[in-house]
Amino acid sequence: MASIDSHKNERIPGSANGRISVSDVEPLQETEYLLSSTENKRRLFESVAQVEYGKVKEKDLID
């Protein structure tokens, strides 16, 4: 993923003032990247479904 100067704004056509902050754009770019692979998309949606149906086990984190 390309690096973006965190002080810049990206021009978004149709937005109220024509600009959106980088902090708002970066999560959208990350989501787009994660969903760009068909296999990764399938795994992510399967994981979300498991959480929604309670098919998860809670574990403690290792220090």
PDB file of N, CA and C in Angstrom:
ATOM      1  N   MET A   1       0.849  -1.171   0.000  1.00  0.00           N
ATOM      2  CA  MET A   1       0.000   0.000   0.000  1.00  0.00           C
ATOM      3  C   MET A   1       0.895   1.234   0.000  1.00  0.00           C
ATOM      4  N   ALA A   2       0.529   2.204  -0.737  1.00  0.00           N
ATOM      5  CA  ALA A   2       1.330   3.424  -0.862  1.00  0.00           C
ATOM      6  C   ALA A   2       1.294   4.217   0.433  1.00  0.00           C
ATOM      7  N   SER A   3       2.402   4.828   0.743  1.00  0.00           N
ATOM      8  CA  SER A   3       2.476   5.692   1.912  1.00  0.00           C
ATOM      9  C   SER A   3       1.836   7.040   1.596  1.00  0.00           C
ATOM     10  N   ILE A   4       1.122   7.583   2.562  1.00  0.00           N
ATOM     11  CA  ILE A   4       0.448   8.874   2.380  1.00  0.00           C
ATOM     12  C   ILE A   4       0.940   9.836   3.446  1.00  0.00           C
ATOM     13  N   ASP A   5       1.269  11.050   3.061  1.00  0.00           N
ATOM     14  CA  ASP A   5       1.659  12.086   4.009  1.00  0.00           C
ATOM     15  C   ASP A   5       0.475  12.344   4.932  1.00  0.00           C
ATOM     16  N   SER A   6       0.649  12.137   6.229  1.00  0.00           N
ATOM     17  CA  SER A   6      -0.468  12.235   7.169  1.00  0.00           C
ATOM     18  C   SER A   6      -0.992  13.654   7.349  1.00  0.00           C
ATOM     19  N   HIS A   7      -0.310  14.644   6.806  1.00  0.00           N
ATOM     20  CA  HIS A   7      -0.785  16.016   6.927  1.00  0.00           C
ATOM     21  C   HIS A   7      -1.584  16.472   5.710  1.00  0.00           C
ATOM     22  N   LYS A   8      -1.644  15.637   4.693  1.00  0.00           N
ATOM     23  CA  LYS A   8      -2.365  15.983   3.477  1.00  0.00           C
ATOM     24  C   LYS A   8      -3.825  15.558   3.575  1.00  0.00           C
ATOM     25  N   ASN A   9      -4.642  16.171   2.775  1.00  0.00           N
ATOM     26  CA  ASN A   9      -6.024  15.755   2.610  1.00  0.00           C
ATOM     27  C   ASN A   9      -6.175  15.191   1.218  1.00  0.00           C
ATOM     28  N   GLU A  10      -7.049  14.230   1.053  1.00  0.00           N
ATOM     29  CA  GLU A  10      -7.340  13.661  -0.252  1.00  0.00           C
ATOM     30  C   GLU A  10      -8.598  14.311  -0.796  1.00  0.00           C
ATOM     31  N   ARG A  11      -8.622  14.612  -2.079  1.00  0.00           N
ATOM     32  CA  ARG A  11      -9.799  15.215  -2.721  1.00  0.00           C
ATOM     33  C   ARG A  11     -10.803  14.116  -3.022  1.00  0.00           C
ATOM     34  N   ILE A  12     -12.010  14.236  -2.484  1.00  0.00           N
ATOM     35  CA  ILE A  12     -13.078  13.273  -2.701  1.00  0.00           C
ATOM     36  C   ILE A  12     -14.247  13.987  -3.362  1.00  0.00           C
ATOM     37  N   PRO A  13     -14.524  13.708  -4.634  1.00  0.00           N
ATOM     38  CA  PRO A  13     -15.636  14.367  -5.319  1.00  0.00           C
ATOM     39  C   PRO A  13     -16.961  14.091  -4.606  1.00  0.00           C
ATOM     40  N   GLY A  14     -17.769  15.117  -4.477  1.00  0.00           N
ATOM     41  CA  GLY A  14     -19.093  14.973  -3.882  1.00  0.00           C
ATOM     42  C   GLY A  14     -19.130  15.124  -2.374  1.00  0.00           C
ATOM     43  N   SER A  15     -17.978  15.226  -1.703  1.00  0.00           N
ATOM     44  CA  SER A  15     -18.012  15.435  -0.260  1.00  0.00           C
ATOM     45  C   SER A  15     -18.345  16.899   0.014  1.00  0.00           C
ATOM     46  N   ALA A  16     -18.771  17.191   1.217  1.00  0.00           N
ATOM     47  CA  ALA A  16     -19.280  18.525   1.556  1.00  0.00           C
ATOM     48  C   ALA A  16     -18.307  19.642   1.177  1.00  0.00           C
ATOM     49  N   ASN A  17     -17.061  19.525   1.565  1.00  0.00           N
ATOM     50  CA  ASN A  17     -16.092  20.561   1.224  1.00  0.00           C
ATOM     51  C   ASN A  17     -15.073  20.079   0.193  1.00  0.00           C
ATOM     52  N   GLY A  18     -15.306  18.908  -0.366  1.00  0.00           N
ATOM     53  CA  GLY A  18     -14.414  18.379  -1.388  1.00  0.00           C
ATOM     54  C   GLY A  18     -13.157  17.740  -0.840  1.00  0.00           C
ATOM     55  N   ARG A  19     -13.038  17.609   0.489  1.00  0.00           N
ATOM     56  CA  ARG A  19     -11.838  17.042   1.081  1.00  0.00           C
ATOM     57  C   ARG A  19     -12.216  16.080   2.197  1.00  0.00           C
ATOM     58  N   ILE A  20     -11.332  15.112   2.415  1.00  0.00           N
ATOM     59  CA  ILE A  20     -11.501  14.163   3.513  1.00  0.00           C
ATOM     60  C   ILE A  20     -10.117  13.962   4.128  1.00  0.00           C
ATOM     61  N   SER A  21     -10.068  13.836   5.425  1.00  0.00           N
ATOM     62  CA  SER A  21      -8.769  13.719   6.092  1.00  0.00           C
ATOM     63  C   SER A  21      -8.148  12.357   5.813  1.00  0.00           C
ATOM     64  N   VAL A  22      -6.834  12.323   5.868  1.00  0.00           N
ATOM     65  CA  VAL A  22      -6.102  11.079   5.657  1.00  0.00           C
ATOM     66  C   VAL A  22      -6.494  10.057   6.705  1.00  0.00           C
ATOM     67  N   SER A  23      -6.756  10.515   7.931  1.00  0.00           N
ATOM     68  CA  SER A  23      -7.136   9.570   8.984  1.00  0.00           C
ATOM     69  C   SER A  23      -8.468   8.893   8.670  1.00  0.00           C
ATOM     70  N   ASP A  24      -9.297   9.504   7.832  1.00  0.00           N
ATOM     71  CA  ASP A  24     -10.539   8.874   7.394  1.00  0.00           C
ATOM     72  C   ASP A  24     -10.313   7.973   6.183  1.00  0.00           C
ATOM     73  N   VAL A  25      -9.328   8.296   5.360  1.00  0.00           N
ATOM     74  CA  VAL A  25      -9.059   7.538   4.137  1.00  0.00           C
ATOM     75  C   VAL A  25      -8.295   6.249   4.431  1.00  0.00           C
ATOM     76  N   GLU A  26      -7.344   6.293   5.349  1.00  0.00           N
ATOM     77  CA  GLU A  26      -6.487   5.140   5.598  1.00  0.00           C
ATOM     78  C   GLU A  26      -7.258   3.869   5.970  1.00  0.00           C
ATOM     79  N   PRO A  27      -8.259   3.912   6.854  1.00  0.00           N
ATOM     80  CA  PRO A  27      -9.013   2.681   7.141  1.00  0.00           C
ATOM     81  C   PRO A  27      -9.748   2.141   5.911  1.00  0.00           C
ATOM     82  N   LEU A  28     -10.217   3.027   5.052  1.00  0.00           N
ATOM     83  CA  LEU A  28     -10.893   2.584   3.832  1.00  0.00           C
ATOM     84  C   LEU A  28      -9.900   1.907   2.897  1.00  0.00           C
ATOM     85  N   GLN A  29      -8.695   2.449   2.812  1.00  0.00           N
ATOM     86  CA  GLN A  29      -7.661   1.840   1.976  1.00  0.00           C
ATOM     87  C   GLN A  29      -7.259   0.474   2.522  1.00  0.00           C
ATOM     88  N   GLU A  30      -7.152   0.363   3.831  1.00  0.00           N
ATOM     89  CA  GLU A  30      -6.804  -0.912   4.465  1.00  0.00           C
ATOM     90  C   GLU A  30      -7.881  -1.953   4.183  1.00  0.00           C
ATOM     91  N   THR A  31      -9.146  -1.557   4.319  1.00  0.00           N
ATOM     92  CA  THR A  31     -10.258  -2.469   4.038  1.00  0.00           C
ATOM     93  C   THR A  31     -10.233  -2.913   2.581  1.00  0.00           C
ATOM     94  N   GLU A  32     -10.013  -1.975   1.683  1.00  0.00           N
ATOM     95  CA  GLU A  32      -9.946  -2.302   0.260  1.00  0.00           C
ATOM     96  C   GLU A  32      -8.820  -3.306   0.001  1.00  0.00           C
ATOM     97  N   TYR A  33      -7.673  -3.087   0.640  1.00  0.00           N
ATOM     98  CA  TYR A  33      -6.545  -4.002   0.471  1.00  0.00           C
ATOM     99  C   TYR A  33      -6.876  -5.401   0.995  1.00  0.00           C
ATOM    100  N   LEU A  34      -7.460  -5.473   2.185  1.00  0.00           N
ATOM    101  CA  LEU A  34      -7.770  -6.776   2.783  1.00  0.00           C
ATOM    102  C   LEU A  34      -8.800  -7.551   1.982  1.00  0.00           C
ATOM    103  N   LEU A  35      -9.709  -6.844   1.324  1.00  0.00           N
ATOM    104  CA  LEU A  35     -10.758  -7.503   0.548  1.00  0.00           C
ATOM    105  C   LEU A  35     -10.368  -7.696  -0.917  1.00  0.00           C
ATOM    106  N   SER A  36      -9.165  -7.292  -1.313  1.00  0.00           N
ATOM    107  CA  SER A  36      -8.767  -7.381  -2.722  1.00  0.00           C
ATOM    108  C   SER A  36      -8.466  -8.812  -3.165  1.00  0.00           C
ATOM    109  N   SER A  37      -8.099  -9.665  -2.242  1.00  0.00           N
ATOM    110  CA  SER A  37      -7.841 -11.069  -2.547  1.00  0.00           C
ATOM    111  C   SER A  37      -9.117 -11.871  -2.292  1.00  0.00           C
ATOM    112  N   THR A  38      -9.521 -12.661  -3.270  1.00  0.00           N
ATOM    113  CA  THR A  38     -10.735 -13.474  -3.125  1.00  0.00           C
ATOM    114  C   THR A  38     -10.629 -14.423  -1.935  1.00  0.00           C
ATOM    115  N   GLU A  39      -9.481 -15.067  -1.792  1.00  0.00           N
ATOM    116  CA  GLU A  39      -9.298 -16.016  -0.682  1.00  0.00           C
ATOM    117  C   GLU A  39      -9.292 -15.295   0.669  1.00  0.00           C
ATOM    118  N   ASN A  40      -8.627 -14.162   0.753  1.00  0.00           N
ATOM    119  CA  ASN A  40      -8.598 -13.411   2.010  1.00  0.00           C
ATOM    120  C   ASN A  40     -10.002 -12.911   2.355  1.00  0.00           C
ATOM    121  N   LYS A  41     -10.728 -12.441   1.349  1.00  0.00           N
ATOM    122  CA  LYS A  41     -12.104 -11.976   1.566  1.00  0.00           C
ATOM    123  C   LYS A  41     -12.957 -13.110   2.137  1.00  0.00           C
ATOM    124  N   ARG A  42     -12.825 -14.309   1.558  1.00  0.00           N
ATOM    125  CA  ARG A  42     -13.598 -15.457   2.041  1.00  0.00           C
ATOM    126  C   ARG A  42     -13.258 -15.761   3.504  1.00  0.00           C
ATOM    127  N   ARG A  43     -11.968 -15.760   3.838  1.00  0.00           N
ATOM    128  CA  ARG A  43     -11.542 -16.042   5.217  1.00  0.00           C
ATOM    129  C   ARG A  43     -12.064 -14.988   6.196  1.00  0.00           C
ATOM    130  N   LEU A  44     -12.002 -13.723   5.804  1.00  0.00           N
ATOM    131  CA  LEU A  44     -12.477 -12.654   6.686  1.00  0.00           C
ATOM    132  C   LEU A  44     -13.977 -12.769   6.945  1.00  0.00           C
ATOM    133  N   PHE A  45     -14.759 -12.991   5.877  1.00  0.00           N
ATOM    134  CA  PHE A  45     -16.203 -13.114   6.057  1.00  0.00           C
ATOM    135  C   PHE A  45     -16.562 -14.368   6.854  1.00  0.00           C
ATOM    136  N   GLU A  46     -15.805 -15.445   6.667  1.00  0.00           N
ATOM    137  CA  GLU A  46     -16.028 -16.661   7.451  1.00  0.00           C
ATOM    138  C   GLU A  46     -15.748 -16.394   8.927  1.00  0.00           C
ATOM    139  N   SER A  47     -14.689 -15.658   9.211  1.00  0.00           N
ATOM    140  CA  SER A  47     -14.355 -15.320  10.603  1.00  0.00           C
ATOM    141  C   SER A  47     -15.436 -14.457  11.242  1.00  0.00           C
ATOM    142  N   VAL A  48     -15.941 -13.476  10.510  1.00  0.00           N
ATOM    143  CA  VAL A  48     -17.011 -12.615  11.022  1.00  0.00           C
ATOM    144  C   VAL A  48     -18.248 -13.459  11.319  1.00  0.00           C
ATOM    145  N   ALA A  49     -18.579 -14.380  10.434  1.00  0.00           N
ATOM    146  CA  ALA A  49     -19.743 -15.247  10.638  1.00  0.00           C
ATOM    147  C   ALA A  49     -19.563 -16.103  11.894  1.00  0.00           C
ATOM    148  N   GLN A  50     -18.359 -16.603  12.117  1.00  0.00           N
ATOM    149  CA  GLN A  50     -18.099 -17.402  13.317  1.00  0.00           C
ATOM    150  C   GLN A  50     -18.319 -16.579  14.579  1.00  0.00           C
ATOM    151  N   VAL A  51     -17.885 -15.347  14.584  1.00  0.00           N
ATOM    152  CA  VAL A  51     -18.103 -14.468  15.741  1.00  0.00           C
ATOM    153  C   VAL A  51     -19.592 -14.218  15.932  1.00  0.00           C
ATOM    154  N   GLU A  52     -20.300 -13.920  14.847  1.00  0.00           N
ATOM    155  CA  GLU A  52     -21.732 -13.637  14.942  1.00  0.00           C
ATOM    156  C   GLU A  52     -22.522 -14.823  15.465  1.00  0.00           C
ATOM    157  N   TYR A  53     -22.100 -16.048  15.142  1.00  0.00           N
ATOM    158  CA  TYR A  53     -22.799 -17.243  15.590  1.00  0.00           C
ATOM    159  C   TYR A  53     -22.227 -17.818  16.882  1.00  0.00           C
ATOM    160  N   GLY A  54     -21.304 -17.098  17.504  1.00  0.00           N
ATOM    161  CA  GLY A  54     -20.748 -17.515  18.787  1.00  0.00           C
ATOM    162  C   GLY A  54     -19.812 -18.703  18.702  1.00  0.00           C
ATOM    163  N   LYS A  55     -19.245 -18.958  17.549  1.00  0.00           N
ATOM    164  CA  LYS A  55     -18.350 -20.093  17.365  1.00  0.00           C
ATOM    165  C   LYS A  55     -16.891 -19.662  17.536  1.00  0.00           C
ATOM    166  N   VAL A  56     -16.612 -19.051  18.671  1.00  0.00           N
ATOM    167  CA  VAL A  56     -15.256 -18.598  18.967  1.00  0.00           C
ATOM    168  C   VAL A  56     -14.884 -19.022  20.376  1.00  0.00           C
ATOM    169  N   LYS A  57     -13.602 -19.139  20.629  1.00  0.00           N
ATOM    170  CA  LYS A  57     -13.097 -19.451  21.961  1.00  0.00           C
ATOM    171  C   LYS A  57     -12.220 -18.300  22.408  1.00  0.00           C
ATOM    172  N   GLU A  58     -12.488 -17.794  23.593  1.00  0.00           N
ATOM    173  CA  GLU A  58     -11.681 -16.721  24.134  1.00  0.00           C
ATOM    174  C   GLU A  58     -10.405 -17.297  24.742  1.00  0.00           C
ATOM    175  N   LYS A  59      -9.269 -16.669  24.443  1.00  0.00           N
ATOM    176  CA  LYS A  59      -7.986 -17.110  24.973  1.00  0.00           C
ATOM    177  C   LYS A  59      -7.239 -15.923  25.536  1.00  0.00           C
ATOM    178  N   ASP A  60      -6.421 -16.163  26.521  1.00  0.00           N
ATOM    179  CA  ASP A  60      -5.569 -15.119  27.078  1.00  0.00           C
ATOM    180  C   ASP A  60      -4.390 -14.891  26.142  1.00  0.00           C
ATOM    181  N   LEU A  61      -3.928 -13.656  26.088  1.00  0.00           N
ATOM    182  CA  LEU A  61      -2.757 -13.325  25.287  1.00  0.00           C
ATOM    183  C   LEU A  61      -1.497 -13.727  26.034  1.00  0.00           C
ATOM    184  N   ILE A  62      -0.501 -14.161  25.301  1.00  0.00           N
ATOM    185  CA  ILE A  62       0.784 -14.517  25.889  1.00  0.00           C
ATOM    186  C   ILE A  62       1.638 -13.260  25.909  1.00  0.00           C
ATOM    187  N   ASP A  63       2.270 -12.989  27.058  1.00  0.00           N
ATOM    188  CA  ASP A  63       3.134 -11.809  27.175  1.00  0.00           C
ATOM    189  C   ASP A  63       4.378 -11.931  26.367  1.00  0.00           C
TER     190      ASP A  63
END
